[in-house]
């Protein structure tokens, strides 16, 4: 995280979890901002606002925010192996 911050990258958490759950996760990671209690449709609005401010946005997600992932410059979705059609080579 320090390397990213040294490069001028802001680290922001958007989560549907409540503040009491989100803060203990975010604090040891040293995130710059935490937005708790965010609904999936609100993720998109927050990302759009960051983009309108001139930021290039990357997003990691459990895969439930596909419309928002499609909107960002870099989207990383964690999908359970049972849902994936792609299989890693042996």
N, C-alpha and C. Protein backbone atom coordinates (compact mmCIF):
# COMPACT_ATOMS: atom_id res chain seq x y z
N UNK A 1 0.82 -1.18 0.00
CA UNK A 1 0.00 0.00 0.00
C UNK A 1 0.87 1.26 0.00
N UNK A 2 2.01 1.18 0.69
CA UNK A 2 2.91 2.33 0.73
C UNK A 2 3.43 2.67 -0.66
N UNK A 3 3.72 1.65 -1.44
CA UNK A 3 4.23 1.88 -2.80
C UNK A 3 3.17 2.61 -3.63
N UNK A 4 1.93 2.18 -3.53
CA UNK A 4 0.85 2.84 -4.26
C UNK A 4 0.71 4.30 -3.82
N UNK A 5 0.74 4.51 -2.52
CA UNK A 5 0.60 5.87 -1.99
C UNK A 5 1.78 6.74 -2.43
N UNK A 6 2.99 6.16 -2.44
CA UNK A 6 4.16 6.91 -2.89
C UNK A 6 4.03 7.34 -4.36
N UNK A 7 3.24 6.60 -5.11
CA UNK A 7 3.00 6.93 -6.53
C UNK A 7 1.85 7.92 -6.69
N UNK A 8 1.29 8.37 -5.56
CA UNK A 8 0.21 9.36 -5.62
C UNK A 8 -1.17 8.76 -5.78
N UNK A 9 -1.29 7.47 -5.51
CA UNK A 9 -2.57 6.78 -5.66
C UNK A 9 -3.33 6.84 -4.34
N UNK A 10 -4.59 7.30 -4.41
CA UNK A 10 -5.47 7.31 -3.23
C UNK A 10 -6.17 5.97 -3.15
N UNK A 11 -6.25 5.44 -1.94
CA UNK A 11 -6.87 4.14 -1.71
C UNK A 11 -8.19 4.36 -0.97
N UNK A 12 -9.28 4.00 -1.63
CA UNK A 12 -10.61 4.26 -1.11
C UNK A 12 -11.39 2.95 -1.03
N UNK A 13 -12.04 2.73 0.09
CA UNK A 13 -12.89 1.55 0.26
C UNK A 13 -14.35 1.97 0.14
N UNK A 14 -15.07 1.29 -0.75
CA UNK A 14 -16.52 1.42 -0.84
C UNK A 14 -17.07 0.06 -0.42
N UNK A 15 -17.88 0.03 0.61
CA UNK A 15 -18.39 -1.25 1.09
C UNK A 15 -19.84 -1.13 1.55
N UNK A 16 -20.55 -2.20 1.37
CA UNK A 16 -21.92 -2.28 1.87
C UNK A 16 -21.96 -2.56 3.36
N UNK A 17 -20.82 -2.97 3.90
CA UNK A 17 -20.75 -3.23 5.34
C UNK A 17 -20.92 -1.94 6.12
N UNK A 18 -21.33 -2.07 7.36
CA UNK A 18 -21.50 -0.87 8.18
C UNK A 18 -20.13 -0.34 8.65
N UNK A 19 -20.16 0.86 9.17
CA UNK A 19 -18.94 1.55 9.62
C UNK A 19 -18.18 0.72 10.65
N UNK A 20 -18.89 0.10 11.56
CA UNK A 20 -18.27 -0.67 12.64
C UNK A 20 -17.48 -1.87 12.10
N UNK A 21 -17.93 -2.41 11.00
CA UNK A 21 -17.23 -3.53 10.37
C UNK A 21 -16.11 -3.03 9.45
N UNK A 22 -16.36 -1.96 8.72
CA UNK A 22 -15.42 -1.47 7.71
C UNK A 22 -14.16 -0.85 8.31
N UNK A 23 -14.29 -0.05 9.33
CA UNK A 23 -13.14 0.67 9.91
C UNK A 23 -12.02 -0.26 10.38
N UNK A 24 -12.32 -1.35 11.12
CA UNK A 24 -11.22 -2.23 11.56
C UNK A 24 -10.49 -2.92 10.40
N UNK A 25 -11.16 -3.06 9.26
CA UNK A 25 -10.51 -3.64 8.08
C UNK A 25 -9.65 -2.57 7.40
N UNK A 26 -10.18 -1.38 7.27
CA UNK A 26 -9.50 -0.31 6.54
C UNK A 26 -8.30 0.26 7.28
N UNK A 27 -8.40 0.36 8.58
CA UNK A 27 -7.36 1.03 9.36
C UNK A 27 -5.98 0.39 9.21
N UNK A 28 -5.83 -0.93 9.40
CA UNK A 28 -4.48 -1.50 9.25
C UNK A 28 -3.95 -1.42 7.82
N UNK A 29 -4.85 -1.29 6.85
CA UNK A 29 -4.42 -1.16 5.46
C UNK A 29 -3.98 0.26 5.13
N UNK A 30 -4.32 1.20 6.00
CA UNK A 30 -3.95 2.59 5.78
C UNK A 30 -4.69 3.25 4.63
N UNK A 31 -5.95 2.89 4.46
CA UNK A 31 -6.73 3.47 3.37
C UNK A 31 -6.98 4.95 3.62
N UNK A 32 -7.08 5.70 2.53
CA UNK A 32 -7.27 7.14 2.63
C UNK A 32 -8.71 7.52 2.97
N UNK A 33 -9.66 6.76 2.47
CA UNK A 33 -11.07 7.04 2.72
C UNK A 33 -11.82 5.73 2.86
N UNK A 34 -12.89 5.78 3.66
CA UNK A 34 -13.79 4.63 3.81
C UNK A 34 -15.21 5.14 3.66
N UNK A 35 -15.94 4.53 2.74
CA UNK A 35 -17.36 4.82 2.56
C UNK A 35 -18.11 3.54 2.91
N UNK A 36 -18.75 3.50 4.06
CA UNK A 36 -19.46 2.32 4.53
C UNK A 36 -20.96 2.47 4.26
N UNK A 37 -21.64 1.33 4.22
CA UNK A 37 -23.08 1.34 4.00
C UNK A 37 -23.46 1.75 2.59
N UNK A 38 -22.56 1.53 1.64
CA UNK A 38 -22.78 1.95 0.25
C UNK A 38 -23.56 0.86 -0.49
N UNK A 39 -24.66 1.23 -1.11
CA UNK A 39 -25.44 0.30 -1.91
C UNK A 39 -24.78 0.13 -3.27
N UNK A 40 -24.99 -1.03 -3.94
CA UNK A 40 -24.34 -1.25 -5.24
C UNK A 40 -24.57 -0.12 -6.23
N UNK A 41 -25.78 0.41 -6.29
CA UNK A 41 -26.04 1.49 -7.25
C UNK A 41 -25.31 2.77 -6.87
N UNK A 42 -24.97 2.93 -5.59
CA UNK A 42 -24.23 4.11 -5.16
C UNK A 42 -22.75 4.01 -5.52
N UNK A 43 -22.23 2.79 -5.65
CA UNK A 43 -20.84 2.61 -6.08
C UNK A 43 -20.61 3.32 -7.40
N UNK A 44 -21.54 3.13 -8.30
CA UNK A 44 -21.40 3.71 -9.63
C UNK A 44 -21.35 5.23 -9.58
N UNK A 45 -22.19 5.84 -8.75
CA UNK A 45 -22.21 7.29 -8.63
C UNK A 45 -20.90 7.82 -8.05
N UNK A 46 -20.36 7.12 -7.07
CA UNK A 46 -19.10 7.55 -6.46
C UNK A 46 -17.96 7.43 -7.48
N UNK A 47 -17.95 6.33 -8.24
CA UNK A 47 -16.92 6.15 -9.27
C UNK A 47 -17.05 7.24 -10.34
N UNK A 48 -18.27 7.54 -10.75
CA UNK A 48 -18.47 8.59 -11.76
C UNK A 48 -17.98 9.94 -11.24
N UNK A 49 -18.23 10.22 -9.98
CA UNK A 49 -17.77 11.48 -9.38
C UNK A 49 -16.24 11.55 -9.40
N UNK A 50 -15.58 10.47 -9.04
CA UNK A 50 -14.11 10.45 -9.07
C UNK A 50 -13.60 10.66 -10.49
N UNK A 51 -14.25 10.02 -11.46
CA UNK A 51 -13.83 10.17 -12.85
C UNK A 51 -14.04 11.61 -13.34
N UNK A 52 -15.15 12.23 -12.94
CA UNK A 52 -15.42 13.61 -13.34
C UNK A 52 -14.39 14.57 -12.75
N UNK A 53 -13.80 14.18 -11.61
CA UNK A 53 -12.75 14.98 -10.99
C UNK A 53 -11.40 14.75 -11.65
N UNK A 54 -11.38 13.88 -12.67
CA UNK A 54 -10.15 13.63 -13.42
C UNK A 54 -9.34 12.44 -12.95
N UNK A 55 -9.87 11.65 -12.03
CA UNK A 55 -9.15 10.49 -11.52
C UNK A 55 -9.33 9.30 -12.44
N UNK A 56 -8.28 8.51 -12.57
CA UNK A 56 -8.36 7.21 -13.23
C UNK A 56 -8.68 6.21 -12.13
N UNK A 57 -9.76 5.45 -12.30
CA UNK A 57 -10.26 4.60 -11.24
C UNK A 57 -10.03 3.13 -11.56
N UNK A 58 -9.48 2.42 -10.58
CA UNK A 58 -9.38 0.96 -10.62
C UNK A 58 -10.24 0.44 -9.49
N UNK A 59 -10.83 -0.74 -9.67
CA UNK A 59 -11.75 -1.27 -8.67
C UNK A 59 -11.59 -2.78 -8.56
N UNK A 60 -11.53 -3.24 -7.32
CA UNK A 60 -11.56 -4.68 -7.04
C UNK A 60 -12.89 -4.97 -6.37
N UNK A 61 -13.54 -6.05 -6.77
CA UNK A 61 -14.89 -6.33 -6.28
C UNK A 61 -15.12 -7.83 -6.27
N UNK A 62 -16.09 -8.24 -5.49
CA UNK A 62 -16.46 -9.65 -5.43
C UNK A 62 -17.23 -10.08 -6.67
N UNK A 63 -17.48 -9.17 -7.58
CA UNK A 63 -18.17 -9.49 -8.83
C UNK A 63 -19.63 -9.11 -8.84
N UNK A 64 -20.14 -8.53 -7.76
CA UNK A 64 -21.56 -8.19 -7.68
C UNK A 64 -21.86 -6.82 -8.28
N UNK A 65 -20.84 -6.04 -8.57
CA UNK A 65 -21.02 -4.70 -9.12
C UNK A 65 -20.54 -4.63 -10.56
N UNK A 66 -21.01 -5.56 -11.39
CA UNK A 66 -20.55 -5.65 -12.77
C UNK A 66 -20.72 -4.34 -13.55
N UNK A 67 -21.84 -3.61 -13.44
CA UNK A 67 -21.94 -2.36 -14.19
C UNK A 67 -20.85 -1.35 -13.81
N UNK A 68 -20.51 -1.29 -12.54
CA UNK A 68 -19.48 -0.36 -12.09
C UNK A 68 -18.11 -0.85 -12.53
N UNK A 69 -17.87 -2.15 -12.44
CA UNK A 69 -16.59 -2.70 -12.89
C UNK A 69 -16.37 -2.41 -14.37
N UNK A 70 -17.44 -2.43 -15.15
CA UNK A 70 -17.32 -2.16 -16.59
C UNK A 70 -17.00 -0.69 -16.85
N UNK A 71 -17.27 0.18 -15.91
CA UNK A 71 -17.10 1.62 -16.07
C UNK A 71 -15.68 2.09 -15.74
N UNK A 72 -14.94 1.33 -14.93
CA UNK A 72 -13.63 1.78 -14.47
C UNK A 72 -12.53 1.43 -15.47
N UNK A 73 -11.37 2.06 -15.32
CA UNK A 73 -10.25 1.80 -16.21
C UNK A 73 -9.69 0.39 -16.00
N UNK A 74 -9.65 -0.04 -14.74
CA UNK A 74 -9.16 -1.38 -14.40
C UNK A 74 -10.15 -1.99 -13.43
N UNK A 75 -10.75 -3.11 -13.82
CA UNK A 75 -11.71 -3.79 -12.95
C UNK A 75 -11.23 -5.19 -12.63
N UNK A 76 -11.23 -5.53 -11.37
CA UNK A 76 -10.80 -6.86 -10.92
C UNK A 76 -11.96 -7.48 -10.16
N UNK A 77 -12.47 -8.61 -10.66
CA UNK A 77 -13.58 -9.28 -9.99
C UNK A 77 -13.12 -10.64 -9.49
N UNK A 78 -13.46 -10.92 -8.24
CA UNK A 78 -13.20 -12.24 -7.69
C UNK A 78 -14.47 -13.05 -7.86
N UNK A 79 -14.38 -14.09 -8.67
CA UNK A 79 -15.52 -14.94 -8.94
C UNK A 79 -15.21 -16.33 -8.43
N UNK A 80 -16.12 -16.95 -7.68
CA UNK A 80 -15.86 -18.32 -7.20
C UNK A 80 -15.56 -19.25 -8.36
N UNK A 81 -14.65 -20.19 -8.15
CA UNK A 81 -14.24 -21.12 -9.20
C UNK A 81 -15.42 -21.89 -9.77
N UNK A 82 -16.42 -22.14 -8.97
CA UNK A 82 -17.58 -22.89 -9.45
C UNK A 82 -18.40 -22.08 -10.46
N UNK A 83 -18.22 -20.75 -10.48
CA UNK A 83 -18.94 -19.90 -11.41
C UNK A 83 -18.13 -19.60 -12.66
N UNK A 84 -16.86 -19.92 -12.63
CA UNK A 84 -15.97 -19.56 -13.72
C UNK A 84 -16.01 -20.61 -14.82
N UNK A 85 -16.04 -20.15 -16.08
CA UNK A 85 -15.95 -21.08 -17.20
C UNK A 85 -14.50 -21.32 -17.59
N UNK A 86 -13.64 -20.45 -17.14
CA UNK A 86 -12.22 -20.56 -17.44
C UNK A 86 -11.55 -21.41 -16.39
N UNK A 87 -10.70 -22.29 -16.79
CA UNK A 87 -9.95 -23.13 -15.85
C UNK A 87 -8.47 -22.89 -16.08
N UNK A 88 -7.75 -22.76 -15.00
CA UNK A 88 -6.30 -22.54 -15.09
C UNK A 88 -5.64 -23.80 -15.63
N UNK A 89 -4.59 -23.63 -16.44
CA UNK A 89 -3.87 -24.79 -16.93
C UNK A 89 -3.24 -25.56 -15.78
N UNK A 90 -3.18 -26.85 -15.93
CA UNK A 90 -2.62 -27.72 -14.88
C UNK A 90 -1.11 -27.58 -14.78
